[in-house]
């Protein structure tokens, strides 16, 4: 049933050598806007994408845009949402069906004649004098270019190019932050009742229920670790033209015993963040103590081999699909819950190639580059103002839970943070590796940011804007024949102004993101 949706498969070897001026790794929204920016300036560009599809999360179920202030959108990101609105014949629209977003991106790629090579996984990188010369993929394809952009969610190109990066949460002392590191005591997505964690209630010797980490909690809040926030799939559901929720390969009922106890305690919130899209569809995201987030099961993903990532990917498919199947069919689930769940099904006209299941795992956080400049919560809270602003973020600082443990005899989730922010600038230097490490690479997705600051920056509209910035930097680096770190900021700024880019916030908040968060808290 699920064999058609995967992260990695071995492909037949091909001896293909492709030469272009700029190679972009990742057909994410950032990769697409970077490519169009370069094409508009007459440069030869190609995209290599690890999956079979384009558009990343924007075309894979995340139709309820994580957006603070709409007025912070500029350039191609603004154009994207204007075309979404035009499609639905409305004035504004930031909630859309996945196939509509995919159609816009495909139209752009066709219009600008941008070649996208799919199922491309990096095997090796050749550097000459701190500059990437070529990259070779696992299927034998080799790409040579003058400039490179890593627009992937994983940060694979920067890692293979030996650029410094971090995985996990910095200790709060590293950047003198409050909201980084271990975080117990969250006010959101927590267990609202005392839930026994043991297979046999009250008996620690019986073992823990599935999904609870068998570890002693010894850290204080703010301690650093290698844990990352949970992944899930954003599920496009509908009550109309629907496909019944299927039983996934490897389904194991016992994996949802903790959820059952929570339901029996009177708490039904696993599907409450179910945002309405157009034409009767929804974007289902994680909500509450036990939902679509597969907490603690992704730590090995960022640095894992491609085969290990495929295993983790399939585990997430089984978990999320199994969650819905359990709620819809299990005899012990309360009848009112079953009735509600069974109104919904997978959208029959979405994700046809993968049996209506989203193609992209929501990699909320993987590697983050370590550059000479790092974005932190001090930027997000406007305590520090960037000297070289190039884009604006405005969503709240958002980390999903990183683990589920036993504390004082009950189940506790740890890691969730939801801190409102006003729009703040992102600094150019956060996209640039250290010059001694690489001189012809720009990183618009896995940028240099602390774990908690990245929680605000990591939104798809921001990635679109940062991709456009990356394309601008790569173009200027070729024109000037200089390392990306040596380009004059004022010249980049001038180009961004001409592109209709928003790179500073003037303080006039038409759509106040803090008010919106207070009115309709979600936690994307």
Protein backbone atom coordinates (compact mmCIF):
# COMPACT_ATOMS: atom_id res chain seq x y z
CA UNK A 1 0.00 0.00 0.00
CA UNK A 2 2.67 2.48 1.01
CA UNK A 3 5.47 1.26 -1.25
CA UNK A 4 4.86 4.23 -3.54
CA UNK A 5 5.87 6.83 -0.93
CA UNK A 6 9.50 6.76 0.10
CA UNK A 7 12.49 8.93 0.91
CA UNK A 8 15.26 6.96 -0.80
CA UNK A 9 15.64 4.07 -3.20
CA UNK A 10 18.67 2.91 -5.11
CA UNK A 11 18.63 3.90 -8.77
CA UNK A 12 20.35 2.49 -11.80
CA UNK A 13 23.81 4.00 -12.20
CA UNK A 14 24.21 6.60 -14.94
CA UNK A 15 27.37 8.30 -16.17
CA UNK A 16 25.95 11.78 -16.65
CA UNK A 17 28.04 14.94 -16.43
CA UNK A 18 26.09 18.18 -16.19
CA UNK A 19 27.74 21.59 -16.26
CA UNK A 20 25.96 24.82 -15.33
CA UNK A 21 26.83 28.16 -13.81
CA UNK A 22 24.81 27.55 -10.65
CA UNK A 23 23.72 24.25 -9.12
CA UNK A 24 20.92 24.42 -6.57
CA UNK A 25 20.46 21.43 -4.30
CA UNK A 26 16.82 21.15 -3.31
CA UNK A 27 13.61 21.92 -5.24
CA UNK A 28 12.09 23.35 -2.07
CA UNK A 29 10.36 26.73 -2.29
CA UNK A 30 13.76 28.28 -1.49
CA UNK A 31 15.42 26.36 -4.30
CA UNK A 32 12.74 27.35 -6.78
CA UNK A 33 12.84 31.07 -5.96
CA UNK A 34 16.65 31.01 -6.07
CA UNK A 35 16.57 29.44 -9.52
CA UNK A 36 14.06 31.95 -10.90
CA UNK A 37 16.05 34.87 -9.50
CA UNK A 38 19.16 33.64 -11.30
CA UNK A 39 17.31 32.87 -14.53
CA UNK A 40 15.85 36.36 -14.61
CA UNK A 41 19.42 37.68 -14.61
CA UNK A 42 20.44 35.41 -17.47
CA UNK A 43 22.40 32.73 -15.61
CA UNK A 44 22.44 29.04 -16.46
CA UNK A 45 20.97 27.19 -13.49
CA UNK A 46 19.87 23.68 -12.65
CA UNK A 47 18.17 22.12 -9.60
CA UNK A 48 19.03 18.71 -8.19
CA UNK A 49 16.31 17.40 -5.86
CA UNK A 50 16.47 14.36 -3.58
CA UNK A 51 12.78 13.44 -3.85
CA UNK A 52 10.67 12.75 -6.92
CA UNK A 53 8.70 15.95 -6.47
CA UNK A 54 9.06 19.72 -6.34
CA UNK A 55 7.90 22.28 -3.81
CA UNK A 56 8.81 20.66 -0.49
CA UNK A 57 6.24 21.11 2.27
CA UNK A 58 4.37 23.84 0.40
CA UNK A 59 3.14 21.26 -2.12
CA UNK A 60 2.92 18.39 0.36
CA UNK A 61 0.09 19.21 2.74
CA UNK A 62 1.23 22.40 4.47
CA UNK A 63 -1.59 24.40 2.93
CA UNK A 64 -2.32 26.41 6.09
CA UNK A 65 0.61 28.78 5.78
CA UNK A 66 2.61 29.41 8.92
CA UNK A 67 2.64 33.18 8.62
CA UNK A 68 2.82 35.94 11.19
CA UNK A 69 2.46 39.21 9.28
CA UNK A 70 1.33 39.02 5.65
CA UNK A 71 2.79 42.47 5.04
CA UNK A 72 6.26 41.02 5.67
CA UNK A 73 6.07 39.12 2.37
CA UNK A 74 7.99 40.48 -0.58
CA UNK A 75 9.39 39.50 -3.95
CA UNK A 76 8.56 36.06 -5.32
CA UNK A 77 7.00 34.97 -2.02
CA UNK A 78 4.43 37.73 -2.33
CA UNK A 79 3.89 36.82 -5.99
CA UNK A 80 3.27 33.20 -5.03
CA UNK A 81 0.45 34.14 -2.65
CA UNK A 82 -0.98 36.61 -5.14
CA UNK A 83 -1.19 33.79 -7.69
CA UNK A 84 -2.81 31.55 -5.07
CA UNK A 85 -5.44 34.25 -4.49
CA UNK A 86 -5.93 34.74 -8.24
CA UNK A 87 -6.52 31.02 -8.69
CA UNK A 88 -9.34 31.09 -6.13
CA UNK A 89 -10.56 34.49 -7.35
CA UNK A 90 -10.27 36.12 -3.94
CA UNK A 91 -8.39 39.19 -2.75
CA UNK A 92 -6.06 37.36 -0.33
CA UNK A 93 -5.43 33.70 0.36
CA UNK A 94 -2.79 31.93 2.46
CA UNK A 95 -4.67 28.62 2.74
CA UNK A 96 -4.59 26.47 -0.36
CA UNK A 97 -4.81 22.95 -1.75
CA UNK A 98 -1.48 21.18 -2.33
CA UNK A 99 -2.05 20.63 -6.06
CA UNK A 100 -2.68 24.35 -6.59
CA UNK A 101 0.68 25.28 -5.04
CA UNK A 102 2.38 22.58 -7.11
CA UNK A 103 0.74 23.93 -10.26
CA UNK A 104 2.13 27.43 -9.65
CA UNK A 105 5.66 26.16 -9.01
CA UNK A 106 5.55 23.91 -12.09
CA UNK A 107 4.34 26.85 -14.19
CA UNK A 108 7.23 28.97 -12.96
CA UNK A 109 9.79 26.25 -13.66
CA UNK A 110 8.39 25.74 -17.17
CA UNK A 111 8.20 29.45 -17.92
CA UNK A 112 11.85 29.98 -16.99
CA UNK A 113 13.00 26.68 -18.53
CA UNK A 114 14.58 25.42 -15.31
CA UNK A 115 15.73 21.81 -15.42
CA UNK A 116 15.06 19.77 -12.26
CA UNK A 117 16.86 16.47 -11.81
CA UNK A 118 15.05 14.31 -9.24
CA UNK A 119 16.11 11.50 -6.88
CA UNK A 120 19.55 13.02 -6.50
CA UNK A 121 21.41 12.11 -3.31
CA UNK A 122 24.90 13.46 -2.71
CA UNK A 123 27.72 10.92 -2.64
CA UNK A 124 30.74 13.25 -2.61
CA UNK A 125 31.90 16.85 -3.07
CA UNK A 126 35.11 18.03 -4.69
CA UNK A 127 36.50 21.36 -3.48
CA UNK A 128 39.37 23.42 -4.86
CA UNK A 129 40.83 26.23 -2.72
CA UNK A 130 37.80 26.33 -0.38
CA UNK A 131 35.39 26.46 -3.33
CA UNK A 132 33.08 23.63 -4.39
CA UNK A 133 34.02 22.46 -7.88
CA UNK A 134 31.64 19.58 -8.43
CA UNK A 135 29.30 17.20 -6.64
CA UNK A 136 28.59 13.58 -7.50
CA UNK A 137 25.37 11.76 -6.68
CA UNK A 138 24.79 8.16 -5.61
CA UNK A 139 23.52 7.33 -9.10
CA UNK A 140 26.74 8.58 -10.70
CA UNK A 141 25.48 11.95 -11.93
CA UNK A 142 28.12 14.68 -11.55
CA UNK A 143 27.40 18.41 -11.48
CA UNK A 144 30.03 21.08 -12.08
CA UNK A 145 29.26 24.72 -11.33
CA UNK A 146 30.76 28.04 -10.32
CA UNK A 147 28.25 28.72 -7.54
CA UNK A 148 26.19 26.39 -5.35
CA UNK A 149 23.10 26.88 -3.22
CA UNK A 150 22.04 24.37 -0.57
CA UNK A 151 18.26 24.79 -0.44
CA UNK A 152 17.60 21.37 1.11
CA UNK A 153 15.81 20.83 4.41
CA UNK A 154 18.55 18.44 5.50
CA UNK A 155 21.67 20.54 4.74
CA UNK A 156 23.34 17.69 2.89
CA UNK A 157 25.40 19.85 0.53
CA UNK A 158 26.85 22.00 3.29
CA UNK A 159 27.72 18.89 5.30
CA UNK A 160 29.46 17.15 2.38
CA UNK A 161 31.33 20.40 1.69
CA UNK A 162 32.75 20.24 5.25
CA UNK A 163 30.94 23.40 6.36
CA UNK A 164 30.44 23.56 10.14
CA UNK A 165 26.97 22.77 11.46
CA UNK A 166 25.09 21.75 14.57
CA UNK A 167 22.28 19.27 15.20
CA UNK A 168 20.20 19.69 18.33
CA UNK A 169 19.63 22.33 20.98
CA UNK A 170 22.37 24.60 22.22
CA UNK A 171 22.60 25.11 25.95
CA UNK A 172 20.97 28.42 26.84
CA UNK A 173 24.31 29.73 28.09
CA UNK A 174 25.87 29.53 24.60
CA UNK A 175 24.04 32.62 23.33
CA UNK A 176 22.67 33.72 26.71
CA UNK A 177 19.15 32.73 25.68
CA UNK A 178 16.18 31.85 27.86
CA UNK A 179 14.17 29.59 25.56
CA UNK A 180 16.88 27.31 24.17
CA UNK A 181 17.92 23.88 25.43
CA UNK A 182 15.80 21.53 27.55
CA UNK A 183 12.37 22.98 28.31
CA UNK A 184 10.06 21.41 30.88
CA UNK A 185 6.93 23.14 32.09
CA UNK A 186 5.34 24.08 28.76
CA UNK A 187 1.84 25.52 28.75
CA UNK A 188 0.94 23.91 25.44
CA UNK A 189 0.63 20.37 24.00
CA UNK A 190 0.99 18.80 27.42
CA UNK A 191 -0.84 15.96 29.16
CA UNK A 192 -3.76 17.55 30.96
CA UNK A 193 -4.24 14.55 33.28
CA UNK A 194 -1.98 12.22 35.22
CA UNK A 195 -1.41 9.34 32.79
CA UNK A 196 0.32 6.19 34.01
CA UNK A 197 3.32 5.36 31.77
CA UNK A 198 3.63 1.64 32.47
CA UNK A 199 2.37 -1.34 30.47
CA UNK A 200 0.72 -2.60 33.63
CA UNK A 201 -0.57 0.48 35.37
CA UNK A 202 1.25 1.15 38.62
CA UNK A 203 3.95 -1.44 37.94
CA UNK A 204 7.30 0.03 36.81
CA UNK A 205 8.68 -3.48 36.33
CA UNK A 206 6.19 -4.12 33.51
CA UNK A 207 8.00 -1.69 31.21
CA UNK A 208 7.03 1.58 29.58
CA UNK A 209 4.34 2.13 26.99
CA UNK A 210 5.53 2.60 23.42
CA UNK A 211 6.91 6.05 22.62
CA UNK A 212 8.12 6.88 26.13
CA UNK A 213 11.90 7.20 26.42
CA UNK A 214 13.51 4.88 28.97
CA UNK A 215 15.83 7.44 30.51
CA UNK A 216 16.39 9.22 33.79
CA UNK A 217 15.71 12.95 33.64
CA UNK A 218 18.71 14.72 35.16
CA UNK A 219 19.04 17.96 33.20
CA UNK A 220 17.86 21.36 34.28
CA UNK A 221 15.98 23.66 31.90
CA UNK A 222 18.39 25.23 29.46
CA UNK A 223 20.75 22.28 29.16
CA UNK A 224 21.96 21.53 25.64
CA UNK A 225 21.53 18.19 23.87
CA UNK A 226 21.41 16.52 20.45
CA UNK A 227 17.63 16.19 20.39
CA UNK A 228 15.53 17.87 17.67
CA UNK A 229 11.88 18.78 17.51
CA UNK A 230 9.47 16.13 16.26
CA UNK A 231 8.60 15.47 12.62
CA UNK A 232 5.21 14.52 11.20
CA UNK A 233 3.23 14.60 7.97
CA UNK A 234 0.75 17.38 7.22
CA UNK A 235 -2.33 15.43 6.14
CA UNK A 236 -4.79 16.77 3.57
CA UNK A 237 -8.21 15.48 4.63
CA UNK A 238 -11.72 16.02 3.31
CA UNK A 239 -15.32 14.96 3.94
CA UNK A 240 -16.23 15.06 0.29
CA UNK A 241 -14.21 13.36 -2.45
CA UNK A 242 -12.38 11.12 -0.03
CA UNK A 243 -10.47 7.87 0.23
CA UNK A 244 -10.94 5.85 3.45
CA UNK A 245 -8.08 6.05 5.91
CA UNK A 246 -6.03 2.91 5.19
CA UNK A 247 -4.34 0.46 7.54
CA UNK A 248 -0.61 1.07 6.99
CA UNK A 249 2.06 -1.56 6.58
CA UNK A 250 3.46 -2.53 9.98
CA UNK A 251 0.48 -1.21 11.95
CA UNK A 252 0.83 -2.02 15.66
CA UNK A 253 -2.12 -1.24 17.89
CA UNK A 254 0.03 -1.19 21.02
CA UNK A 255 1.78 1.94 19.76
CA UNK A 256 -1.38 3.90 20.61
CA UNK A 257 -2.06 2.56 24.12
CA UNK A 258 -0.91 5.85 25.62
CA UNK A 259 -3.33 7.74 23.39
CA UNK A 260 -6.13 5.38 24.40
CA UNK A 261 -5.50 6.06 28.09
CA UNK A 262 -5.53 9.77 27.37
CA UNK A 263 -8.84 9.48 25.51
CA UNK A 264 -10.32 7.43 28.33
CA UNK A 265 -9.24 10.17 30.74
CA UNK A 266 -11.53 12.51 28.83
CA UNK A 267 -9.12 14.34 26.52
CA UNK A 268 -9.80 14.43 22.79
CA UNK A 269 -7.47 16.92 21.11
CA UNK A 270 -5.31 14.86 18.74
CA UNK A 271 -7.07 16.27 15.65
CA UNK A 272 -8.01 19.71 16.92
CA UNK A 273 -5.44 21.59 14.81
CA UNK A 274 -7.36 20.84 11.65
CA UNK A 275 -7.18 24.01 9.59
CA UNK A 276 -9.72 24.58 6.83
CA UNK A 277 -8.34 25.01 3.32
CA UNK A 278 -10.22 25.75 0.12
CA UNK A 279 -12.83 23.41 -1.41
CA UNK A 280 -13.64 21.54 1.77
CA UNK A 281 -10.14 20.24 2.48
CA UNK A 282 -8.08 20.61 5.62
CA UNK A 283 -4.46 20.63 6.76
CA UNK A 284 -4.15 18.33 9.79
CA UNK A 285 -1.22 19.16 12.06
CA UNK A 286 -0.09 18.11 15.52
CA UNK A 287 -2.09 19.31 18.49
CA UNK A 288 -2.20 18.32 22.14
CA UNK A 289 -0.25 15.79 24.18
CA UNK A 290 -0.50 12.86 21.75
CA UNK A 291 -1.07 13.59 18.08
CA UNK A 292 0.65 13.36 14.69
CA UNK A 293 4.13 14.32 15.97
CA UNK A 294 6.28 11.17 16.29
CA UNK A 295 8.12 12.50 19.33
CA UNK A 296 11.71 11.39 19.88
CA UNK A 297 11.91 9.16 16.81
CA UNK A 298 13.92 11.40 14.47
CA UNK A 299 17.23 12.07 16.23
CA UNK A 300 19.26 9.99 13.77
CA UNK A 301 17.70 11.53 10.67
CA UNK A 302 19.89 14.62 10.04
CA UNK A 303 23.22 12.77 10.01
CA UNK A 304 21.83 9.36 9.04
CA UNK A 305 22.65 7.42 5.90
CA UNK A 306 20.09 7.52 3.11
CA UNK A 307 18.95 3.98 3.91
CA UNK A 308 18.54 4.89 7.59
CA UNK A 309 16.55 7.97 6.63
CA UNK A 310 14.30 5.77 4.51
CA UNK A 311 13.65 3.56 7.56
CA UNK A 312 12.81 6.61 9.68
CA UNK A 313 10.61 7.99 6.91
CA UNK A 314 8.61 4.75 6.72
CA UNK A 315 8.32 4.60 10.50
CA UNK A 316 6.73 8.07 10.39
CA UNK A 317 4.35 7.00 7.61
CA UNK A 318 3.27 3.98 9.64
CA UNK A 319 2.92 5.98 12.85
CA UNK A 320 0.85 8.87 11.45
CA UNK A 321 -1.36 6.74 9.20
CA UNK A 322 -1.70 4.22 12.02
CA UNK A 323 -2.82 6.98 14.38
CA UNK A 324 -5.70 7.89 12.09
CA UNK A 325 -6.55 4.24 11.45
CA UNK A 326 -6.56 3.52 15.18
CA UNK A 327 -8.88 6.44 15.91
CA UNK A 328 -11.21 5.43 13.08
CA UNK A 329 -11.47 1.69 13.74
CA UNK A 330 -10.39 0.56 17.20
CA UNK A 331 -13.24 -0.79 19.30
CA UNK A 332 -11.94 0.80 22.51
CA UNK A 333 -11.84 4.32 21.09
CA UNK A 334 -14.87 6.29 22.37
CA UNK A 335 -17.75 6.21 19.89
CA UNK A 336 -18.02 9.97 19.59
CA UNK A 337 -14.36 10.16 18.61
CA UNK A 338 -14.75 7.40 16.02
CA UNK A 339 -17.78 9.09 14.52
CA UNK A 340 -15.90 12.36 14.16
CA UNK A 341 -12.80 10.76 12.65
CA UNK A 342 -14.77 8.64 10.20
CA UNK A 343 -16.28 11.72 8.62
CA UNK A 344 -12.84 12.35 7.13
CA UNK A 345 -10.70 10.65 4.54
CA UNK A 346 -7.64 11.33 2.41
CA UNK A 347 -8.34 13.74 -0.44
CA UNK A 348 -8.85 11.64 -3.58
CA UNK A 349 -7.56 14.37 -5.90
CA UNK A 350 -4.31 15.03 -4.01
CA UNK A 351 -1.00 13.12 -4.13
CA UNK A 352 -2.19 10.67 -6.77
CA UNK A 353 1.27 9.15 -7.27
CA UNK A 354 1.57 8.19 -3.59
CA UNK A 355 -1.94 6.84 -2.92
CA UNK A 356 -3.08 10.25 -1.63
CA UNK A 357 -0.46 10.33 1.12
CA UNK A 358 1.79 13.45 1.42
CA UNK A 359 5.15 13.00 -0.27
CA UNK A 360 7.35 15.11 2.00
CA UNK A 361 8.16 14.33 5.62
CA UNK A 362 7.93 17.54 7.65
CA UNK A 363 11.59 18.00 8.52
CA UNK A 364 11.09 20.88 10.89
CA UNK A 365 14.74 20.99 11.85
CA UNK A 366 17.85 19.08 10.78
CA UNK A 367 21.34 20.54 10.42
CA UNK A 368 21.89 24.24 11.08
CA UNK A 369 25.01 25.89 9.69
CA UNK A 370 27.53 27.46 12.06
CA UNK A 371 28.66 30.70 10.39
CA UNK A 372 30.46 33.79 11.59
CA UNK A 373 27.04 35.27 12.37
CA UNK A 374 24.21 33.50 14.17
CA UNK A 375 20.56 34.45 14.53
CA UNK A 376 19.33 33.99 18.12
CA UNK A 377 16.28 34.69 20.24
CA UNK A 378 17.73 38.16 20.86
CA UNK A 379 17.07 38.98 17.20
CA UNK A 380 13.59 37.43 17.31
CA UNK A 381 12.71 39.46 20.40
CA UNK A 382 14.21 42.59 18.78
CA UNK A 383 16.87 43.06 21.41
CA UNK A 384 19.50 42.93 18.65
CA UNK A 385 18.94 44.53 15.26
CA UNK A 386 20.68 43.20 12.18
CA UNK A 387 23.27 45.35 10.46
CA UNK A 388 22.70 43.65 7.10
CA UNK A 389 18.97 42.80 6.92
CA UNK A 390 17.81 40.81 3.89
CA UNK A 391 14.38 39.38 4.86
CA UNK A 392 11.78 39.47 7.64
CA UNK A 393 10.47 36.63 9.80
CA UNK A 394 7.31 37.06 11.83
CA UNK A 395 6.00 33.70 13.06
CA UNK A 396 6.32 32.98 16.77
CA UNK A 397 9.38 31.11 18.05
CA UNK A 398 8.08 27.58 17.77
CA UNK A 399 9.65 24.32 18.86
CA UNK A 400 7.63 21.14 18.96
CA UNK A 401 8.33 18.58 21.65
CA UNK A 402 11.67 16.80 21.51
CA UNK A 403 11.03 13.83 23.80
CA UNK A 404 8.49 12.00 25.97
CA UNK A 405 9.65 10.80 29.40
CA UNK A 406 8.51 9.74 32.84
CA UNK A 407 8.74 12.42 35.50
CA UNK A 408 7.47 11.85 39.04
CA UNK A 409 5.65 8.72 37.92
CA UNK A 410 3.68 10.21 35.04
CA UNK A 411 4.11 10.87 31.32
CA UNK A 412 5.57 14.25 30.39
CA UNK A 413 6.38 15.79 27.00
CA UNK A 414 9.44 18.04 26.85
CA UNK A 415 10.66 20.68 24.44
CA UNK A 416 7.61 22.64 23.30
CA UNK A 417 8.11 26.41 23.16
CA UNK A 418 5.66 29.01 21.78
CA UNK A 419 6.92 32.58 22.18
CA UNK A 420 5.18 35.45 20.33
CA UNK A 421 7.39 37.80 18.33
CA UNK A 422 6.96 40.90 16.26
CA UNK A 423 8.45 40.90 12.75
CA UNK A 424 12.25 40.89 12.87
CA UNK A 425 15.02 41.05 10.28
CA UNK A 426 17.31 38.21 9.23
CA UNK A 427 20.95 39.08 8.61
CA UNK A 428 22.68 38.35 5.30
CA UNK A 429 25.67 36.79 7.06
CA UNK A 430 23.52 33.99 8.51
CA UNK A 431 23.28 32.55 4.97
CA UNK A 432 27.04 32.49 4.34
CA UNK A 433 29.51 29.84 5.50
CA UNK A 434 32.78 30.86 7.09
CA UNK A 435 35.05 32.00 4.27
CA UNK A 436 37.82 29.59 5.29
CA UNK A 437 35.36 26.71 4.87
CA UNK A 438 33.61 27.52 1.57
CA UNK A 439 33.58 30.58 -0.69
CA UNK A 440 30.92 29.73 -3.28
CA UNK A 441 28.02 28.33 -1.27
CA UNK A 442 24.86 30.05 0.00
CA UNK A 443 22.51 28.35 2.48
CA UNK A 444 18.95 29.79 2.59
CA UNK A 445 17.22 26.97 4.55
CA UNK A 446 19.63 25.45 7.09
CA UNK A 447 20.86 28.91 8.02
CA UNK A 448 23.06 29.88 10.95
CA UNK A 449 20.56 30.19 13.80
CA UNK A 450 20.10 28.84 17.28
CA UNK A 451 17.51 26.12 17.78
CA UNK A 452 14.89 28.47 19.16
CA UNK A 453 15.48 31.33 16.70
CA UNK A 454 15.24 28.80 13.88
CA UNK A 455 11.82 27.93 15.28
CA UNK A 456 10.56 31.25 13.95
CA UNK A 457 12.65 31.46 10.80
CA UNK A 458 11.87 27.95 9.52
CA UNK A 459 8.60 28.83 7.77
CA UNK A 460 7.97 28.23 4.07
CA UNK A 461 7.28 31.88 3.09
CA UNK A 462 10.54 32.91 4.77
CA UNK A 463 12.38 30.16 2.89
CA UNK A 464 10.96 31.54 -0.36
CA UNK A 465 12.36 34.98 0.46
CA UNK A 466 15.71 33.62 1.59
CA UNK A 467 15.93 31.57 -1.60
CA UNK A 468 15.51 34.77 -3.62
CA UNK A 469 18.28 36.35 -1.55
CA UNK A 470 20.51 33.33 -2.19
CA UNK A 471 19.95 33.63 -5.92
CA UNK A 472 20.84 37.32 -5.78
CA UNK A 473 24.05 36.60 -3.86
CA UNK A 474 25.10 33.85 -6.29
CA UNK A 475 24.48 36.14 -9.27
CA UNK A 476 26.52 38.96 -7.80
CA UNK A 477 29.34 36.59 -6.81
CA UNK A 478 29.67 35.45 -10.42
CA UNK A 479 29.54 38.98 -11.78
CA UNK A 480 32.16 40.22 -9.31
CA UNK A 481 34.17 36.98 -9.31
CA UNK A 482 34.48 37.23 -5.56
CA UNK A 483 33.76 34.93 -2.62
CA UNK A 484 30.17 35.27 -1.43
CA UNK A 485 31.48 36.65 1.88
CA UNK A 486 33.17 39.62 0.16
CA UNK A 487 30.20 41.09 -1.70
CA UNK A 488 29.18 44.64 -0.70
CA UNK A 489 25.96 44.52 1.29
CA UNK A 490 24.66 47.75 -0.25
CA UNK A 491 24.77 46.24 -3.73
CA UNK A 492 22.80 43.21 -2.58
CA UNK A 493 20.33 45.47 -0.81
CA UNK A 494 19.86 47.53 -3.97
CA UNK A 495 19.05 44.40 -5.95
CA UNK A 496 16.54 43.27 -3.34
CA UNK A 497 14.80 46.64 -3.41
CA UNK A 498 14.45 46.35 -7.19
CA UNK A 499 12.95 42.89 -6.74
CA UNK A 500 10.26 44.21 -4.40
CA UNK A 501 11.84 42.44 -1.46
CA UNK A 502 10.94 43.21 2.17
CA UNK A 503 14.12 43.28 4.23
CA UNK A 504 13.23 45.61 7.12
CA UNK A 505 10.11 46.11 9.20
CA UNK A 506 8.83 49.66 9.50
CA UNK A 507 6.81 48.99 12.64
CA UNK A 508 3.40 49.41 11.01
CA UNK A 509 1.62 46.15 11.76
CA UNK A 510 -1.51 45.77 9.66
CA UNK A 511 -1.90 42.11 10.58
CA UNK A 512 -0.49 41.78 14.09
CA UNK A 513 1.03 38.27 14.49
CA UNK A 514 1.00 38.42 18.28
CA UNK A 515 -2.71 39.21 18.33
CA UNK A 516 -3.35 36.43 15.83
CA UNK A 517 -1.45 33.92 17.95
CA UNK A 518 -3.39 34.92 21.06
CA UNK A 519 -6.72 34.59 19.22
CA UNK A 520 -6.06 31.28 17.49
CA UNK A 521 -3.15 29.45 19.08
CA UNK A 522 -1.86 26.59 17.00
CA UNK A 523 1.85 25.94 17.20
CA UNK A 524 2.83 24.83 13.75
